[in-house]
Amino acid sequence: MAKYLRHLGWDVTVLTVHGAGPVDPRLSVDGVATVLRVREWRLGWLLKVVGGTVRVLRLASERFARRGETGRTSLDRGFAYEEREIESSKIGWVLPALRAALRAHRTSPIDVAVVSLPPAASGTVGWLLNRLRGIPYVVEYRDPWTVGAFWTSDADGRPRSDVATRARYRLTRRLEATLLQASAGAIIVNGEAHVDRLAAAFPRQTAGKPIAHIRNGVDIEDTAPERGSDATTPVLRLLHTGFFYHFYTPHQLISALRLVLSRRSEALDGIELEFMGSGFPEHLVQELDGWGLSHLVRLTAAGSYSDALAATRRADGLFAVLPALDSDRDRLPTKVYEYLGTDRPILIVADPAGAASNLVAGLPDVLIADNRSQEAIADAFASFVQLARRRRADGCPAENGKRGEPHHYLQRAAEMDRFLHQVLNHRNVSAGS
């Protein structure tokens, strides 16, 4: 976004935490934007204590409520992990970031700030800039916060009603309301349905303010096909890139492979499912051995953005799996846009009525499987393998790479440009009246 906003006349400053290691050249904004990196205060120990206490109270309450039940949950089975929302709040980043932003403002006044959530600490930085210097800010929801927040339900979708969770929810919702009240508008990155839900949940705080739906995108220059998959190896490579965490795990797809094995075992001959990233549940790895599927799965370490793009070019097919939870119906992983920028067959395991399915519906060489149905996932996976084999034999038509053209970041930046000017014009009109 910074790269293309610069072409549209914006002077962009990126404020972020200091990270170790090199920056991928494809993601570097050197020469495009000013980058301010700050070190966060070391409050991890305090956040772990608070987060751990909340989880102990919640788990004790849930186990008491479930006494006598024999069914094991996804958490009990180790297919999902307890969330660490408190520990990942980045609250120790707020004051160092504020100090850096104020110094930058003195040198070159900031016209508008875009604060990306999560983490919530980013919103706090924007709120403080507004209070101290009157700088307008817009809240960019990269994921929903309290509207459909995943931590109000467990990994199987059952609502959590313990005292600790209810107290957190009330406090966090009040914080979100405060940030929206002082904001100049909001941006929704995931599904468009979140626009109406946000306005309905916070009618007073969003009234009269612009709310835009500006999705993620893909830089076509990065994902343009270079060559076909490696046909010198007999193995059909199917790839998932990215991280798993908390309730976002691949257990629906992996479990469905048992049905494929029992009903259409030929679909599993000579294939390899590579998961490039981290967070694949250890208990799921153990289950794979018992199911006789461990030889199909390869786990590889997370690489750079360029490494991931190179892996997609080597693969014969690409897949993504989303949780079967109401809170994830609006999720639109960035990897899906990057997949669309390639000419590879794609399998999306998601809610058929969700944002990810709506994004890819009707596109060539894209299959959608209902993530709530093992039967549907098994059938779609077998068809996915068949399609990948046929494409490998015939050669992937290069024109399929055009699936990503409507999502080019140049277009997304133009949407952001219009929205930011709308925010500034709205602010000027309000000030004049």
Protein backbone atom coordinates (compact mmCIF):
# COMPACT_ATOMS: atom_id res chain seq x y z
CA MET A 1 0.00 0.00 0.00
CA ALA A 2 2.84 2.40 0.85
CA LYS A 3 4.50 1.67 -2.47
CA TYR A 4 1.48 2.66 -4.55
CA LEU A 5 0.27 5.50 -2.32
CA ARG A 6 3.60 7.18 -3.02
CA HIS A 7 2.75 7.08 -6.74
CA LEU A 8 -0.53 8.86 -5.90
CA GLY A 9 1.20 11.75 -4.17
CA TRP A 10 1.24 10.66 -0.53
CA ASP A 11 4.31 11.01 1.66
CA VAL A 12 4.06 7.84 3.74
CA THR A 13 5.65 7.12 7.12
CA VAL A 14 5.46 3.59 8.49
CA LEU A 15 5.62 3.31 12.29
CA THR A 16 6.30 -0.21 13.52
CA VAL A 17 8.08 -2.28 16.16
CA HIS A 18 11.75 -3.07 15.82
CA GLY A 19 12.24 -6.57 14.46
CA ALA A 20 15.28 -8.76 14.17
CA GLY A 21 16.54 -10.12 10.88
CA PRO A 22 16.70 -8.83 7.31
CA VAL A 23 13.76 -7.29 5.45
CA ASP A 24 12.60 -9.12 2.33
CA PRO A 25 13.45 -6.91 -0.69
CA ARG A 26 9.91 -7.40 -2.04
CA LEU A 27 8.47 -5.97 1.17
CA SER A 28 11.04 -3.25 1.73
CA VAL A 29 9.76 0.33 1.50
CA ASP A 30 13.24 1.82 1.31
CA GLY A 31 13.04 4.80 -1.02
CA VAL A 32 9.25 4.63 -0.93
CA ALA A 33 8.38 5.52 2.65
CA THR A 34 10.02 6.65 5.86
CA VAL A 35 10.21 3.78 8.34
CA LEU A 36 10.27 4.43 12.08
CA ARG A 37 11.12 1.34 14.13
CA VAL A 38 10.79 1.50 17.90
CA ARG A 39 11.50 -1.01 20.65
CA GLU A 40 8.59 -1.89 22.90
CA TRP A 41 8.90 -1.93 26.65
CA ARG A 42 9.42 -5.38 28.10
CA LEU A 43 6.05 -6.02 29.73
CA GLY A 44 5.77 -9.62 28.57
CA TRP A 45 6.03 -11.03 32.08
CA LEU A 46 3.13 -8.88 33.29
CA LEU A 47 0.93 -9.72 30.31
CA LYS A 48 1.65 -13.43 30.77
CA VAL A 49 0.56 -13.24 34.39
CA VAL A 50 -2.66 -11.42 33.50
CA GLY A 51 -3.42 -13.62 30.50
CA GLY A 52 -2.60 -16.80 32.38
CA THR A 53 -4.86 -15.80 35.27
CA VAL A 54 -7.76 -15.12 32.90
CA ARG A 55 -7.30 -18.50 31.20
CA VAL A 56 -7.11 -20.41 34.48
CA LEU A 57 -10.34 -18.79 35.65
CA ARG A 58 -12.02 -19.46 32.32
CA LEU A 59 -10.91 -23.08 32.07
CA ALA A 60 -11.96 -23.77 35.66
CA SER A 61 -15.39 -22.31 34.93
CA GLU A 62 -15.78 -24.26 31.68
CA ARG A 63 -14.73 -27.56 33.23
CA PHE A 64 -17.17 -27.04 36.08
CA ALA A 65 -19.96 -26.29 33.59
CA ARG A 66 -19.04 -29.35 31.50
CA ARG A 67 -18.72 -31.79 34.39
CA GLY A 68 -20.23 -35.12 33.42
CA GLU A 69 -19.76 -34.54 29.69
CA THR A 70 -17.72 -37.20 27.89
CA GLY A 71 -17.06 -35.46 24.56
CA ARG A 72 -13.60 -34.03 23.94
CA THR A 73 -13.29 -30.57 22.46
CA SER A 74 -10.79 -29.44 19.83
CA LEU A 75 -8.77 -27.86 22.64
CA ASP A 76 -8.86 -31.09 24.65
CA ARG A 77 -7.61 -33.03 21.64
CA GLY A 78 -4.80 -30.56 21.00
CA PHE A 79 -6.11 -29.60 17.55
CA ALA A 80 -6.40 -25.96 18.64
CA TYR A 81 -4.60 -23.79 21.16
CA GLU A 82 -5.83 -21.36 23.77
CA GLU A 83 -5.68 -17.83 22.45
CA ARG A 84 -3.05 -15.41 23.73
CA GLU A 85 -4.85 -12.17 22.95
CA ILE A 86 -3.70 -10.42 26.10
CA GLU A 87 -0.07 -11.44 25.67
CA SER A 88 -0.06 -10.25 22.05
CA SER A 89 -1.65 -6.87 22.81
CA LYS A 90 1.69 -5.01 22.31
CA ILE A 91 0.77 -2.57 25.07
CA GLY A 92 4.47 -1.99 25.74
CA TRP A 93 4.71 -0.42 22.29
CA VAL A 94 2.32 2.48 22.92
CA LEU A 95 4.52 5.12 24.60
CA PRO A 96 7.68 4.48 22.53
CA ALA A 97 5.57 4.64 19.38
CA LEU A 98 3.84 7.81 20.53
CA ARG A 99 7.19 9.47 21.22
CA ALA A 100 8.49 8.55 17.76
CA ALA A 101 5.30 9.77 16.09
CA LEU A 102 5.41 13.12 17.89
CA ARG A 103 9.02 13.66 16.81
CA ALA A 104 8.06 12.87 13.21
CA HIS A 105 5.10 15.26 13.44
CA ARG A 106 7.35 18.11 14.55
CA THR A 107 9.61 17.56 11.54
CA SER A 108 6.84 17.00 8.99
CA PRO A 109 3.23 17.49 10.17
CA ILE A 110 1.03 14.40 9.86
CA ASP A 111 -2.20 14.98 7.94
CA VAL A 112 -3.87 11.69 8.84
CA ALA A 113 -2.90 8.48 10.64
CA VAL A 114 -4.07 5.00 9.69
CA VAL A 115 -3.97 2.72 12.74
CA SER A 116 -4.11 -0.99 11.90
CA LEU A 117 -5.72 -3.43 14.33
CA PRO A 118 -4.75 -5.86 15.73
CA PRO A 119 -2.94 -5.22 17.96
CA ALA A 120 -5.20 -2.84 19.82
CA ALA A 121 -2.18 -0.84 20.96
CA SER A 122 -1.98 0.72 17.50
CA GLY A 123 -5.39 2.29 18.03
CA THR A 124 -4.25 3.70 21.35
CA VAL A 125 -1.32 5.42 19.61
CA GLY A 126 -3.75 7.05 17.18
CA TRP A 127 -6.08 8.13 19.98
CA LEU A 128 -3.20 9.76 21.89
CA LEU A 129 -1.97 11.56 18.76
CA ASN A 130 -5.45 12.95 18.30
CA ARG A 131 -5.76 14.06 21.92
CA LEU A 132 -2.31 15.64 22.09
CA ARG A 133 -1.93 17.16 18.61
CA GLY A 134 -5.36 16.96 17.01
CA ILE A 135 -4.17 14.55 14.31
CA PRO A 136 -7.12 12.76 12.69
CA TYR A 137 -6.89 8.98 12.56
CA VAL A 138 -8.85 6.19 10.96
CA VAL A 139 -9.16 2.70 12.41
CA GLU A 140 -8.18 -0.02 9.94
CA TYR A 141 -9.68 -3.36 10.93
CA ARG A 142 -7.42 -6.06 9.54
CA ASP A 143 -9.57 -8.45 11.61
CA PRO A 144 -12.78 -7.76 13.52
CA TRP A 145 -12.25 -6.81 17.14
CA THR A 146 -15.15 -7.21 19.57
CA VAL A 147 -17.64 -7.57 16.71
CA GLY A 148 -17.41 -11.30 16.13
CA ALA A 149 -14.25 -11.61 18.21
CA PHE A 150 -13.05 -15.20 18.39
CA TRP A 151 -12.33 -15.15 22.11
CA THR A 152 -16.03 -14.94 23.07
CA SER A 153 -16.38 -18.56 21.86
CA ASP A 154 -14.29 -21.68 22.24
CA ALA A 155 -12.61 -23.56 19.39
CA ASP A 156 -15.82 -25.47 18.67
CA GLY A 157 -18.01 -22.37 18.52
CA ARG A 158 -19.66 -22.72 21.91
CA PRO A 159 -20.14 -19.37 23.67
CA ARG A 160 -17.99 -18.58 26.67
CA SER A 161 -19.97 -17.07 29.52
CA ASP A 162 -17.56 -17.17 32.46
CA VAL A 163 -17.01 -14.08 34.58
CA ALA A 164 -13.45 -13.45 33.35
CA THR A 165 -14.45 -13.53 29.67
CA ARG A 166 -17.53 -11.35 30.23
CA ALA A 167 -15.45 -8.78 32.11
CA ARG A 168 -12.80 -8.71 29.37
CA TYR A 169 -15.48 -8.36 26.72
CA ARG A 170 -17.14 -5.38 28.42
CA LEU A 171 -13.83 -3.60 29.01
CA THR A 172 -12.56 -4.25 25.48
CA ARG A 173 -15.84 -3.18 23.89
CA ARG A 174 -15.68 0.06 25.83
CA LEU A 175 -12.13 0.62 24.58
CA GLU A 176 -13.21 -0.01 20.99
CA ALA A 177 -16.08 2.43 21.39
CA THR A 178 -13.67 5.07 22.71
CA LEU A 179 -11.32 4.64 19.74
CA LEU A 180 -14.18 4.79 17.22
CA GLN A 181 -15.72 7.84 18.91
CA ALA A 182 -12.54 9.89 18.46
CA SER A 183 -11.72 8.49 15.02
CA ALA A 184 -12.34 10.19 11.69
CA GLY A 185 -13.60 6.97 10.07
CA ALA A 186 -12.92 3.27 9.67
CA ILE A 187 -11.58 0.85 7.08
CA ILE A 188 -12.67 -2.78 6.84
CA VAL A 189 -10.08 -5.13 5.30
CA ASN A 190 -11.89 -8.46 5.60
CA GLY A 191 -15.45 -9.29 4.51
CA GLU A 192 -17.80 -6.48 3.58
CA ALA A 193 -20.45 -7.74 6.01
CA HIS A 194 -18.32 -6.33 8.81
CA VAL A 195 -19.12 -2.80 7.59
CA ASP A 196 -22.80 -3.12 8.51
CA ARG A 197 -22.06 -5.06 11.69
CA LEU A 198 -19.64 -2.40 12.90
CA ALA A 199 -22.14 0.39 12.22
CA ALA A 200 -24.90 -1.56 13.98
CA ALA A 201 -22.74 -2.36 17.02
CA PHE A 202 -21.44 1.22 17.40
CA PRO A 203 -24.12 3.46 15.84
CA ARG A 204 -23.29 6.58 17.85
CA GLN A 205 -19.53 6.26 17.46
CA THR A 206 -19.66 5.74 13.67
CA ALA A 207 -22.57 8.05 12.81
CA GLY A 208 -21.75 10.45 9.98
CA LYS A 209 -18.24 9.07 9.52
CA PRO A 210 -16.99 7.38 6.37
CA ILE A 211 -16.54 3.60 6.58
CA ALA A 212 -14.78 2.03 3.62
CA HIS A 213 -14.28 -1.58 2.57
CA ILE A 214 -10.70 -1.77 1.27
CA ARG A 215 -9.55 -5.35 1.03
CA ASN A 216 -6.07 -6.79 0.88
CA GLY A 217 -4.59 -7.25 -2.54
CA VAL A 218 -1.71 -8.68 -4.49
CA ASP A 219 1.26 -7.14 -6.23
CA ILE A 220 0.96 -8.83 -9.64
CA GLU A 221 4.62 -8.13 -10.39
CA ASP A 222 5.56 -10.34 -7.43
CA THR A 223 3.31 -13.29 -8.22
CA ALA A 224 3.50 -13.35 -12.03
CA PRO A 225 4.08 -16.93 -13.24
CA GLU A 226 7.65 -17.67 -14.25
CA ARG A 227 7.44 -21.31 -15.21
CA GLY A 228 5.38 -24.45 -14.67
CA SER A 229 5.72 -26.81 -11.73
CA ASP A 230 8.65 -29.19 -11.57
CA ALA A 231 7.54 -32.09 -13.75
CA THR A 232 10.80 -33.95 -13.24
CA THR A 233 9.54 -35.34 -9.92
CA PRO A 234 6.60 -37.75 -9.85
CA VAL A 235 5.30 -36.23 -6.62
CA LEU A 236 2.27 -33.94 -6.96
CA ARG A 237 2.96 -31.01 -4.64
CA LEU A 238 0.07 -29.27 -2.90
CA LEU A 239 1.03 -26.26 -0.82
CA HIS A 240 -0.31 -24.21 2.10
CA THR A 241 1.65 -21.10 3.07
CA GLY A 242 1.30 -19.19 6.30
CA PHE A 243 0.90 -19.71 10.02
CA PHE A 244 -1.61 -21.54 12.18
CA TYR A 245 -2.50 -20.20 15.60
CA HIS A 246 -5.14 -20.54 18.32
CA PHE A 247 -8.37 -21.77 16.68
CA TYR A 248 -6.99 -21.34 13.16
CA THR A 249 -5.72 -24.86 12.42
CA PRO A 250 -5.94 -27.37 9.51
CA HIS A 251 -7.62 -30.19 11.44
CA GLN A 252 -10.83 -30.10 9.34
CA LEU A 253 -8.91 -30.85 6.16
CA ILE A 254 -6.54 -33.38 7.72
CA SER A 255 -9.40 -35.26 9.34
CA ALA A 256 -11.26 -35.37 6.02
CA LEU A 257 -8.29 -37.14 4.42
CA ARG A 258 -9.34 -40.26 6.33
CA LEU A 259 -12.52 -40.34 4.25
CA VAL A 260 -10.50 -39.91 1.08
CA LEU A 261 -8.24 -42.78 2.16
CA SER A 262 -11.18 -45.11 2.78
CA ARG A 263 -13.27 -44.19 -0.28
CA ARG A 264 -10.94 -42.81 -2.97
CA SER A 265 -7.48 -43.90 -1.92
CA GLU A 266 -6.16 -43.47 -5.45
CA ALA A 267 -6.49 -39.71 -4.98
CA LEU A 268 -3.72 -39.89 -2.37
CA ASP A 269 -1.25 -41.78 -4.52
CA GLY A 270 1.94 -39.83 -5.21
CA ILE A 271 0.87 -36.57 -3.54
CA GLU A 272 2.47 -34.40 -0.89
CA LEU A 273 0.79 -31.74 1.24
CA GLU A 274 3.38 -29.18 2.25
CA PHE A 275 2.62 -26.77 5.08
CA MET A 276 5.11 -23.93 4.87
CA GLY A 277 5.07 -21.90 8.06
CA SER A 278 4.55 -22.82 11.69
CA GLY A 279 1.85 -23.60 14.21
CA PHE A 280 0.77 -26.99 12.79
CA PRO A 281 -0.62 -28.69 15.95
CA GLU A 282 1.74 -31.28 17.41
CA HIS A 283 -1.18 -33.49 18.43
CA LEU A 284 -2.36 -33.50 14.83
CA VAL A 285 1.06 -34.75 13.74
CA GLN A 286 0.67 -37.63 16.19
CA GLU A 287 -2.81 -38.40 14.88
CA LEU A 288 -1.45 -38.55 11.32
CA ASP A 289 0.71 -41.51 12.32
CA GLY A 290 -2.28 -43.37 13.71
CA TRP A 291 -4.37 -42.62 10.65
CA GLY A 292 -1.70 -43.83 8.24
CA LEU A 293 -1.40 -40.41 6.63
CA SER A 294 1.91 -39.14 7.96
CA HIS A 295 3.71 -39.90 4.68
CA LEU A 296 1.48 -37.41 2.87
CA VAL A 297 2.33 -34.35 4.98
CA ARG A 298 5.55 -32.35 5.00
CA LEU A 299 6.11 -29.49 7.39
CA THR A 300 8.64 -26.86 6.34
CA ALA A 301 9.87 -23.84 8.25
CA ALA A 302 8.54 -20.37 7.59
CA GLY A 303 10.54 -18.48 5.02
CA SER A 304 10.57 -14.97 3.69
CA TYR A 305 7.83 -13.55 1.50
CA SER A 306 10.00 -14.25 -1.55
CA ASP A 307 10.54 -17.83 -0.37
CA ALA A 308 6.80 -18.33 -0.08
CA LEU A 309 6.19 -16.94 -3.57
CA ALA A 310 8.88 -19.20 -4.99
CA ALA A 311 7.22 -22.18 -3.28
CA THR A 312 3.86 -21.34 -4.88
CA ARG A 313 5.51 -21.42 -8.30
CA ARG A 314 6.97 -24.86 -7.61
CA ALA A 315 3.66 -26.26 -6.37
CA ASP A 316 1.06 -28.04 -8.48
CA GLY A 317 -1.84 -26.78 -6.36
CA LEU A 318 -2.49 -24.32 -3.54
CA PHE A 319 -4.93 -24.60 -0.66
CA ALA A 320 -6.21 -22.63 2.33
CA VAL A 321 -8.27 -23.76 5.33
CA LEU A 322 -10.44 -21.48 7.48
CA PRO A 323 -12.02 -22.33 10.87
CA ALA A 324 -15.65 -23.41 10.89
CA LEU A 325 -16.61 -20.61 13.27
CA ASP A 326 -19.06 -17.75 12.84
CA SER A 327 -16.30 -15.32 13.83
CA ASP A 328 -14.26 -16.44 10.80
CA ARG A 329 -16.90 -16.13 8.09
CA ASP A 330 -15.51 -12.71 7.20
CA ARG A 331 -11.86 -13.77 7.25
CA LEU A 332 -9.97 -13.12 4.00
CA PRO A 333 -6.39 -14.39 4.33
CA THR A 334 -3.81 -12.49 2.33
CA LYS A 335 -2.54 -15.80 0.95
CA VAL A 336 -5.76 -16.18 -1.05
CA TYR A 337 -4.98 -13.01 -3.04
CA GLU A 338 -1.43 -14.24 -3.61
CA TYR A 339 -2.79 -17.59 -4.76
CA LEU A 340 -5.07 -15.79 -7.23
CA GLY A 341 -2.03 -14.06 -8.69
CA THR A 342 -0.70 -17.46 -9.82
CA ASP A 343 -1.91 -19.90 -12.46
CA ARG A 344 -2.23 -22.84 -10.04
CA PRO A 345 -5.42 -24.72 -9.09
CA ILE A 346 -6.75 -23.58 -5.70
CA LEU A 347 -8.79 -25.29 -2.98
CA ILE A 348 -10.52 -23.10 -0.39
CA VAL A 349 -11.96 -24.89 2.67
CA ALA A 350 -14.28 -22.28 4.13
CA ASP A 351 -17.86 -21.30 4.83
CA PRO A 352 -19.64 -21.40 1.42
CA ALA A 353 -21.40 -18.14 2.29
CA GLY A 354 -18.33 -16.51 3.81
CA ALA A 355 -16.09 -13.75 2.49
CA ALA A 356 -13.33 -16.03 1.18
CA SER A 357 -15.80 -18.16 -0.80
CA ASN A 358 -17.51 -15.09 -2.21
CA LEU A 359 -14.15 -13.71 -3.31
CA VAL A 360 -13.24 -16.75 -5.42
CA ALA A 361 -16.68 -18.01 -6.48
CA GLY A 362 -16.87 -18.64 -10.22
CA LEU A 363 -13.15 -18.19 -10.89
CA PRO A 364 -11.40 -20.77 -13.07
CA ASP A 365 -9.56 -23.65 -11.39
CA VAL A 366 -10.82 -22.75 -7.91
CA LEU A 367 -12.71 -25.25 -5.76
CA ILE A 368 -14.64 -24.42 -2.58
CA ALA A 369 -15.36 -26.95 0.18
CA ASP A 370 -17.76 -26.42 3.09
CA ASN A 371 -15.53 -26.42 6.18
CA ARG A 372 -18.40 -27.77 8.31
CA SER A 373 -18.73 -31.00 6.31
CA GLN A 374 -16.10 -33.75 6.26
CA GLU A 375 -17.89 -35.30 3.28
CA ALA A 376 -17.73 -32.07 1.30
CA ILE A 377 -14.06 -31.52 2.13
CA ALA A 378 -13.15 -35.08 1.12
CA ASP A 379 -15.01 -34.81 -2.21
CA ALA A 380 -13.51 -31.41 -2.99
CA PHE A 381 -10.01 -32.57 -2.11
CA ALA A 382 -10.24 -35.56 -4.46
CA SER A 383 -11.45 -33.24 -7.25
CA PHE A 384 -8.64 -30.80 -6.41
CA VAL A 385 -6.03 -33.53 -6.81
CA GLN A 386 -7.59 -34.63 -10.09
CA LEU A 387 -7.54 -31.04 -11.38
CA ALA A 388 -3.92 -30.52 -10.31
CA ARG A 389 -2.88 -33.73 -12.07
CA ARG A 390 -4.65 -32.73 -15.25
CA ARG A 391 -3.16 -29.24 -15.19
CA ARG A 392 0.28 -30.67 -14.64
CA ALA A 393 -0.09 -33.01 -17.58
CA ASP A 394 -1.59 -30.39 -19.90
CA GLY A 395 0.29 -27.35 -18.61
CA CYS A 396 -1.32 -24.56 -16.59
CA PRO A 397 -2.78 -21.94 -18.96
CA ALA A 398 -1.03 -18.65 -18.24
CA GLU A 399 -4.25 -16.68 -18.60
CA ASN A 400 -5.41 -18.07 -15.26
CA GLY A 401 -2.91 -15.74 -13.64
CA LYS A 402 -5.35 -12.95 -14.57
CA ARG A 403 -7.54 -14.03 -11.65
CA GLY A 404 -5.53 -11.66 -9.48
CA GLU A 405 -5.69 -8.58 -11.72
CA PRO A 406 -8.86 -7.14 -10.10
CA HIS A 407 -7.02 -7.24 -6.77
CA HIS A 408 -3.86 -5.42 -7.81
CA TYR A 409 -2.57 -3.18 -5.02
CA LEU A 410 -2.50 -0.26 -7.44
CA GLN A 411 -6.30 -0.41 -7.40
CA ARG A 412 -6.40 -0.85 -3.62
CA ALA A 413 -4.17 2.20 -3.19
CA ALA A 414 -6.52 4.22 -5.40
CA GLU A 415 -9.39 3.21 -3.08
CA MET A 416 -7.34 4.24 -0.06
CA ASP A 417 -6.44 7.55 -1.73
CA ARG A 418 -10.12 8.38 -2.31
CA PHE A 419 -11.05 7.39 1.24
CA LEU A 420 -8.32 9.45 2.90
CA HIS A 421 -9.24 12.51 0.87
CA GLN A 422 -12.87 11.93 1.87
CA VAL A 423 -11.81 11.84 5.53
CA LEU A 424 -9.82 15.07 5.22
CA ASN A 425 -12.62 16.84 3.33
CA HIS A 426 -15.16 15.68 5.88
CA ARG A 427 -12.95 16.97 8.67
CA ASN A 428 -12.51 20.36 6.96
CA VAL A 429 -16.27 20.73 6.43
CA SER A 430 -16.94 19.79 10.07
CA ALA A 431 -14.33 22.30 11.26
CA GLY A 432 -15.83 25.03 9.09
CA SER A 433 -19.31 24.47 10.43
